[in-house]
C-alpha atoms as a PDB file:
ATOM      1  CA  MET A   1       0.066  -0.007  -0.043  1.00  0.00           C
ATOM      2  CA  ARG A   2       1.371   3.460  -0.978  1.00  0.00           C
ATOM      3  CA  SER A   3       1.279   6.300   1.707  1.00  0.00           C
ATOM      4  CA  ALA A   4      -1.198   8.993   0.867  1.00  0.00           C
ATOM      5  CA  GLU A   5      -0.469  12.750   0.933  1.00  0.00           C
ATOM      6  CA  CYS A   6      -3.932  13.714   2.214  1.00  0.00           C
ATOM      7  CA  ASP A   7      -5.960  12.040   5.225  1.00  0.00           C
ATOM      8  CA  SER A   8      -9.024  11.529   3.208  1.00  0.00           C
ATOM      9  CA  VAL A   9     -10.666  11.767  -0.246  1.00  0.00           C
ATOM     10  CA  PHE A  10     -12.849  14.332   1.488  1.00  0.00           C
ATOM     11  CA  ASP A  11     -10.125  16.824   1.862  1.00  0.00           C
ATOM     12  CA  VAL A  12      -9.704  16.784  -1.934  1.00  0.00           C
ATOM     13  CA  VAL A  13     -13.492  16.702  -2.592  1.00  0.00           C
ATOM     14  CA  PHE A  14     -14.075  19.831  -0.510  1.00  0.00           C
ATOM     15  CA  TRP A  15     -11.028  21.599  -1.902  1.00  0.00           C
ATOM     16  CA  PHE A  16     -12.629  21.253  -5.486  1.00  0.00           C
ATOM     17  CA  ILE A  17     -16.044  22.135  -4.279  1.00  0.00           C
ATOM     18  CA  ASP A  18     -14.624  25.375  -2.747  1.00  0.00           C
ATOM     19  CA  ARG A  19     -12.401  26.214  -5.679  1.00  0.00           C
ATOM     20  CA  ALA A  20     -15.430  25.957  -8.054  1.00  0.00           C
ATOM     21  CA  LEU A  21     -17.510  28.250  -5.648  1.00  0.00           C
ATOM     22  CA  ASN A  22     -14.731  30.757  -5.525  1.00  0.00           C
ATOM     23  CA  ASP A  23     -14.761  30.672  -9.322  1.00  0.00           C
ATOM     24  CA  GLY A  24     -18.640  31.129  -9.379  1.00  0.00           C
ATOM     25  CA  GLU A  25     -19.349  27.717 -10.623  1.00  0.00           C
ATOM     26  CA  TYR A  26     -21.488  24.922  -9.403  1.00  0.00           C
ATOM     27  CA  LEU A  27     -19.372  21.682  -9.439  1.00  0.00           C
ATOM     28  CA  GLN A  28     -21.577  18.852 -10.897  1.00  0.00           C
ATOM     29  CA  PRO A  29     -21.111  15.550  -9.185  1.00  0.00           C
ATOM     30  CA  GLN A  30     -19.866  13.917 -12.400  1.00  0.00           C
ATOM     31  CA  LYS A  31     -17.249  16.615 -12.888  1.00  0.00           C
ATOM     32  CA  LEU A  32     -16.289  16.321  -9.393  1.00  0.00           C
ATOM     33  CA  HIS A  33     -15.632  12.459  -9.900  1.00  0.00           C
ATOM     34  CA  ARG A  34     -13.612  13.274 -13.088  1.00  0.00           C
ATOM     35  CA  MET A  35     -11.420  15.766 -11.225  1.00  0.00           C
ATOM     36  CA  LEU A  36     -10.833  13.414  -8.446  1.00  0.00           C
ATOM     37  CA  TYR A  37      -9.845  10.675 -10.845  1.00  0.00           C
ATOM     38  CA  LEU A  38      -7.495  12.928 -12.868  1.00  0.00           C
ATOM     39  CA  SER A  39      -5.929  14.367  -9.622  1.00  0.00           C
ATOM     40  CA  GLN A  40      -5.342  10.776  -8.335  1.00  0.00           C
ATOM     41  CA  ALA A  41      -3.905   9.700 -11.734  1.00  0.00           C
ATOM     42  CA  TYR A  42      -1.503  12.549 -12.230  1.00  0.00           C
ATOM     43  CA  PHE A  43      -0.437  12.739  -8.516  1.00  0.00           C
ATOM     44  CA  VAL A  44       0.460   8.932  -8.865  1.00  0.00           C
ATOM     45  CA  VAL A  45       2.909   9.892 -11.623  1.00  0.00           C
ATOM     46  CA  LEU A  46       4.266  13.101 -10.024  1.00  0.00           C
ATOM     47  CA  GLY A  47       4.278  11.692  -6.379  1.00  0.00           C
ATOM     48  CA  ARG A  48       7.097   9.480  -6.627  1.00  0.00           C
ATOM     49  CA  GLY A  49       5.451   6.520  -4.953  1.00  0.00           C
ATOM     50  CA  LYS A  50       2.705   8.323  -3.100  1.00  0.00           C
ATOM     51  CA  VAL A  51      -0.790   8.695  -4.079  1.00  0.00           C
ATOM     52  CA  LEU A  52      -2.957  11.877  -3.370  1.00  0.00           C
ATOM     53  CA  MET A  53      -5.570  10.362  -1.334  1.00  0.00           C
ATOM     54  CA  PRO A  54      -6.733   6.940   0.022  1.00  0.00           C
ATOM     55  CA  ALA A  55      -9.442   6.340  -2.727  1.00  0.00           C
ATOM     56  CA  THR A  56     -10.470   3.591  -5.055  1.00  0.00           C
ATOM     57  CA  PHE A  57     -11.973   4.505  -8.559  1.00  0.00           C
ATOM     58  CA  ILE A  58     -14.071   2.069 -10.272  1.00  0.00           C
ATOM     59  CA  ALA A  59     -15.323   1.783 -13.823  1.00  0.00           C
ATOM     60  CA  HIS A  60     -18.997   2.897 -13.844  1.00  0.00           C
ATOM     61  CA  ASP A  61     -21.073   3.134 -16.876  1.00  0.00           C
ATOM     62  CA  SER A  62     -21.145   7.103 -16.500  1.00  0.00           C
ATOM     63  CA  GLY A  63     -17.316   7.113 -16.181  1.00  0.00           C
ATOM     64  CA  PRO A  64     -14.818   6.593 -13.371  1.00  0.00           C
ATOM     65  CA  ILE A  65     -16.385   7.228  -9.863  1.00  0.00           C
ATOM     66  CA  GLU A  66     -15.026   6.977  -6.271  1.00  0.00           C
ATOM     67  CA  PRO A  67     -17.785   4.977  -4.631  1.00  0.00           C
ATOM     68  CA  ASN A  68     -17.614   6.358  -1.185  1.00  0.00           C
ATOM     69  CA  VAL A  69     -18.028   9.911  -2.586  1.00  0.00           C
ATOM     70  CA  PHE A  70     -20.695   8.699  -4.867  1.00  0.00           C
ATOM     71  CA  ARG A  71     -22.707   7.101  -2.050  1.00  0.00           C
ATOM     72  CA  LEU A  72     -22.253  10.207   0.147  1.00  0.00           C
ATOM     73  CA  PHE A  73     -23.446  12.684  -2.375  1.00  0.00           C
ATOM     74  CA  ALA A  74     -26.185  10.579  -3.917  1.00  0.00           C
ATOM     75  CA  SER A  75     -28.728  12.344  -1.775  1.00  0.00           C
ATOM     76  CA  ASN A  76     -29.583  15.946  -2.306  1.00  0.00           C
ATOM     77  CA  ASP A  77     -28.599  16.703   1.386  1.00  0.00           C
ATOM     78  CA  ARG A  78     -24.991  18.036   1.795  1.00  0.00           C
ATOM     79  CA  ALA A  79     -23.644  15.676   4.531  1.00  0.00           C
ATOM     80  CA  TYR A  80     -21.317  17.054   7.106  1.00  0.00           C
ATOM     81  CA  VAL A  81     -17.992  15.418   6.756  1.00  0.00           C
ATOM     82  CA  GLU A  82     -14.897  16.199   8.828  1.00  0.00           C
ATOM     83  CA  HIS A  83     -12.170  17.241   6.443  1.00  0.00           C
ATOM     84  CA  LEU A  84      -8.662  18.948   6.762  1.00  0.00           C
ATOM     85  CA  MET A  85      -7.087  21.649   4.624  1.00  0.00           C
ATOM     86  CA  ALA A  86      -4.820  20.121   2.079  1.00  0.00           C
ATOM     87  CA  PRO A  87      -1.100  20.675   2.534  1.00  0.00           C
ATOM     88  CA  ASP A  88       0.437  23.450   0.534  1.00  0.00           C
ATOM     89  CA  THR A  89       2.125  21.066  -1.970  1.00  0.00           C
ATOM     90  CA  VAL A  90      -1.113  19.478  -2.661  1.00  0.00           C
ATOM     91  CA  GLU A  91      -3.046  22.751  -2.860  1.00  0.00           C
ATOM     92  CA  HIS A  92      -0.508  23.958  -5.545  1.00  0.00           C
ATOM     93  CA  PHE A  93      -0.909  20.570  -7.479  1.00  0.00           C
ATOM     94  CA  LEU A  94      -4.792  20.819  -7.240  1.00  0.00           C
ATOM     95  CA  ASP A  95      -4.681  24.374  -8.306  1.00  0.00           C
ATOM     96  CA  SER A  96      -2.641  23.589 -11.304  1.00  0.00           C
ATOM     97  CA  LEU A  97      -4.904  20.538 -12.220  1.00  0.00           C
ATOM     98  CA  TRP A  98      -7.888  22.887 -11.845  1.00  0.00           C
ATOM     99  CA  ARG A  99      -6.475  25.405 -14.164  1.00  0.00           C
ATOM    100  CA  LYS A 100      -5.747  22.643 -16.688  1.00  0.00           C
ATOM    101  CA  PHE A 101      -9.062  20.800 -16.543  1.00  0.00           C
ATOM    102  CA  GLY A 102     -11.519  22.920 -14.537  1.00  0.00           C
ATOM    103  CA  HIS A 103     -12.851  24.781 -17.478  1.00  0.00           C
ATOM    104  CA  HIS A 104     -14.109  21.844 -19.330  1.00  0.00           C
ATOM    105  CA  SER A 105     -17.580  20.468 -18.892  1.00  0.00           C
ATOM    106  CA  ALA A 106     -18.518  17.243 -17.181  1.00  0.00           C
ATOM    107  CA  GLU A 107     -19.394  15.888 -20.581  1.00  0.00           C
ATOM    108  CA  TYR A 108     -15.959  16.737 -22.064  1.00  0.00           C
ATOM    109  CA  LEU A 109     -13.961  15.112 -19.213  1.00  0.00           C
ATOM    110  CA  THR A 110     -16.273  12.030 -19.314  1.00  0.00           C
ATOM    111  CA  ARG A 111     -15.632  11.393 -23.177  1.00  0.00           C
ATOM    112  CA  MET A 112     -12.051  12.192 -22.619  1.00  0.00           C
ATOM    113  CA  ILE A 113     -11.498   9.858 -19.880  1.00  0.00           C
ATOM    114  CA  LYS A 114     -13.839   7.001 -21.190  1.00  0.00           C
ATOM    115  CA  SER A 115     -11.671   6.942 -24.425  1.00  0.00           C
ATOM    116  CA  GLN A 116      -8.422   6.316 -22.423  1.00  0.00           C
ATOM    117  CA  GLU A 117      -6.900   3.040 -21.593  1.00  0.00           C
ATOM    118  CA  PRO A 118      -7.174   2.729 -17.819  1.00  0.00           C
ATOM    119  CA  TYR A 119     -10.962   3.267 -17.883  1.00  0.00           C
ATOM    120  CA  ALA A 120     -11.605   1.338 -21.138  1.00  0.00           C
ATOM    121  CA  GLU A 121      -9.622  -1.668 -19.699  1.00  0.00           C
ATOM    122  CA  ALA A 122     -11.411  -1.729 -16.440  1.00  0.00           C
ATOM    123  CA  HIS A 123     -14.784  -1.142 -18.113  1.00  0.00           C
ATOM    124  CA  ALA A 124     -14.217  -4.022 -20.430  1.00  0.00           C
ATOM    125  CA  ASN A 125     -13.741  -6.389 -17.426  1.00  0.00           C
ATOM    126  CA  GLY A 126     -17.307  -5.531 -16.128  1.00  0.00           C
ATOM    127  CA  PRO A 127     -19.088  -3.118 -14.049  1.00  0.00           C
ATOM    128  CA  ARG A 128     -17.579  -1.791 -10.807  1.00  0.00           C
ATOM    129  CA  THR A 129     -14.092  -3.063 -11.829  1.00  0.00           C
ATOM    130  CA  GLU A 130     -11.323  -1.111 -10.170  1.00  0.00           C
ATOM    131  CA  ILE A 131      -9.247   1.150 -12.117  1.00  0.00           C
ATOM    132  CA  THR A 132      -5.736   0.302 -10.825  1.00  0.00           C
ATOM    133  CA  LEU A 133      -3.129   2.754  -9.749  1.00  0.00           C
ATOM    134  CA  THR A 134      -0.623   0.930 -11.847  1.00  0.00           C
ATOM    135  CA  ALA A 135      -2.894   1.397 -14.997  1.00  0.00           C
ATOM    136  CA  MET A 136      -3.121   5.167 -14.155  1.00  0.00           C
ATOM    137  CA  ALA A 137       0.570   5.610 -13.688  1.00  0.00           C
ATOM    138  CA  ARG A 138       1.369   3.771 -16.876  1.00  0.00           C
ATOM    139  CA  PHE A 139      -1.023   5.793 -19.049  1.00  0.00           C
ATOM    140  CA  TYR A 140      -0.545   9.288 -17.552  1.00  0.00           C
ATOM    141  CA  GLY A 141       3.107   8.887 -17.020  1.00  0.00           C
ATOM    142  CA  ARG A 142       3.773   8.136 -20.759  1.00  0.00           C
ATOM    143  CA  SER A 143       5.729  10.897 -22.491  1.00  0.00           C
ATOM    144  CA  ARG A 144       3.687  12.534 -25.130  1.00  0.00           C
ATOM    145  CA  THR A 145       4.598  15.208 -27.811  1.00  0.00           C
ATOM    146  CA  ASP A 146       2.734  18.509 -27.956  1.00  0.00           C
ATOM    147  CA  SER A 147       0.873  17.148 -31.080  1.00  0.00           C
ATOM    148  CA  GLU A 148      -0.095  13.835 -29.432  1.00  0.00           C
ATOM    149  CA  ALA A 149      -1.372  15.575 -26.467  1.00  0.00           C
ATOM    150  CA  ARG A 150      -3.508  17.892 -28.696  1.00  0.00           C
ATOM    151  CA  ILE A 151      -4.949  14.621 -30.356  1.00  0.00           C
ATOM    152  CA  ASP A 152      -5.790  12.461 -27.309  1.00  0.00           C
ATOM    153  CA  GLY A 153      -6.318  15.380 -24.804  1.00  0.00           C
ATOM    154  CA  VAL A 154      -3.939  13.836 -22.288  1.00  0.00           C
ATOM    155  CA  PRO A 155      -1.164  16.219 -21.418  1.00  0.00           C
ATOM    156  CA  ASN A 156       2.241  15.006 -19.875  1.00  0.00           C
ATOM    157  CA  ALA A 157       2.183  14.998 -16.165  1.00  0.00           C
ATOM    158  CA  ARG A 158       4.998  17.778 -16.253  1.00  0.00           C
ATOM    159  CA  MET A 159       2.657  20.019 -18.346  1.00  0.00           C
ATOM    160  CA  VAL A 160      -0.111  19.830 -15.699  1.00  0.00           C
ATOM    161  CA  LEU A 161       2.058  20.880 -12.942  1.00  0.00           C
ATOM    162  CA  LYS A 162       2.737  24.581 -13.263  1.00  0.00           C
ATOM    163  CA  PRO A 163       5.820  26.052 -11.630  1.00  0.00           C
ATOM    164  CA  ARG A 164       5.296  27.890  -8.560  1.00  0.00           C
ATOM    165  CA  MET A 165       5.204  31.709  -9.130  1.00  0.00           C
ATOM    166  CA  MET A 166       6.847  33.912  -6.438  1.00  0.00           C
ATOM    167  CA  ARG A 167       8.229  37.499  -6.376  1.00  0.00           C
ATOM    168  CA  SER A 168      11.970  38.460  -6.106  1.00  0.00           C
ATOM    169  CA  GLN A 169      13.177  41.236  -4.052  1.00  0.00           C
ATOM    170  CA  THR A 170      12.418  43.669  -6.787  1.00  0.00           C
ATOM    171  CA  GLY A 171       8.900  42.358  -7.293  1.00  0.00           C
ATOM    172  CA  GLU A 172       9.475  40.620 -10.466  1.00  0.00           C
ATOM    173  CA  PRO A 173       7.647  37.064 -10.905  1.00  0.00           C
ATOM    174  CA  VAL A 174       9.996  34.054 -10.878  1.00  0.00           C
ATOM    175  CA  ALA A 175       9.158  30.498 -11.248  1.00  0.00           C
ATOM    176  CA  VAL A 176      10.291  28.409  -8.368  1.00  0.00           C
ATOM    177  CA  LYS A 177      11.194  24.736  -8.160  1.00  0.00           C
ATOM    178  CA  PRO A 178      12.700  22.545  -5.580  1.00  0.00           C
ATOM    179  CA  TRP A 179      16.359  22.274  -5.410  1.00  0.00           C
ATOM    180  CA  VAL A 180      17.637  18.835  -6.133  1.00  0.00           C
ATOM    181  CA  PRO A 181      21.251  17.988  -5.250  1.00  0.00           C
ATOM    182  CA  GLY A 182      23.453  16.682  -7.949  1.00  0.00           C
ATOM    183  CA  ARG A 183      25.476  13.484  -7.829  1.00  0.00           C
ATOM    184  CA  ALA A 184      28.596  13.749  -5.739  1.00  0.00           C
ATOM    185  CA  PRO A 185      31.753  13.343  -7.715  1.00  0.00           C
ATOM    186  CA  LYS A 186      33.614  10.079  -7.754  1.00  0.00           C
END
């Protein structure tokens, strides 16, 4: 089992709901499930052995869903669920993902995901088949050229994560990325 960056899937659910409300948008349940699925898939690729949230996605006829979230939001009443704020690194990742996919409709995201290998393979195995993290990592971690990304709608994981922007001492915007030490000379 891989360790998760967030304590619960609901930490991410309520981040997306709040973000949509801040943008003046009602987040449809189907779009919420697609955004959760994409966030888990891209985080598996970028997380170096971590998952974003403890969640299982299944291939439902309507597209990939997280069954616990589906069951909780099946009624029209908004249930109270204790959730925590996402860590800063997760918030930056979710913000990048929202900027990349949040403007698309639920229908567009559903069509895009249903045409992709991880969902199609799981759905072919029958209803409620789990979409594995391995299948997600293999598909979303694959390198694509810009033209391939335009054709299949799947950007490289590095294209999803935008560099963190901060200001220099003179007020100029600068991209910030973590420092990774080089190899020691032999």
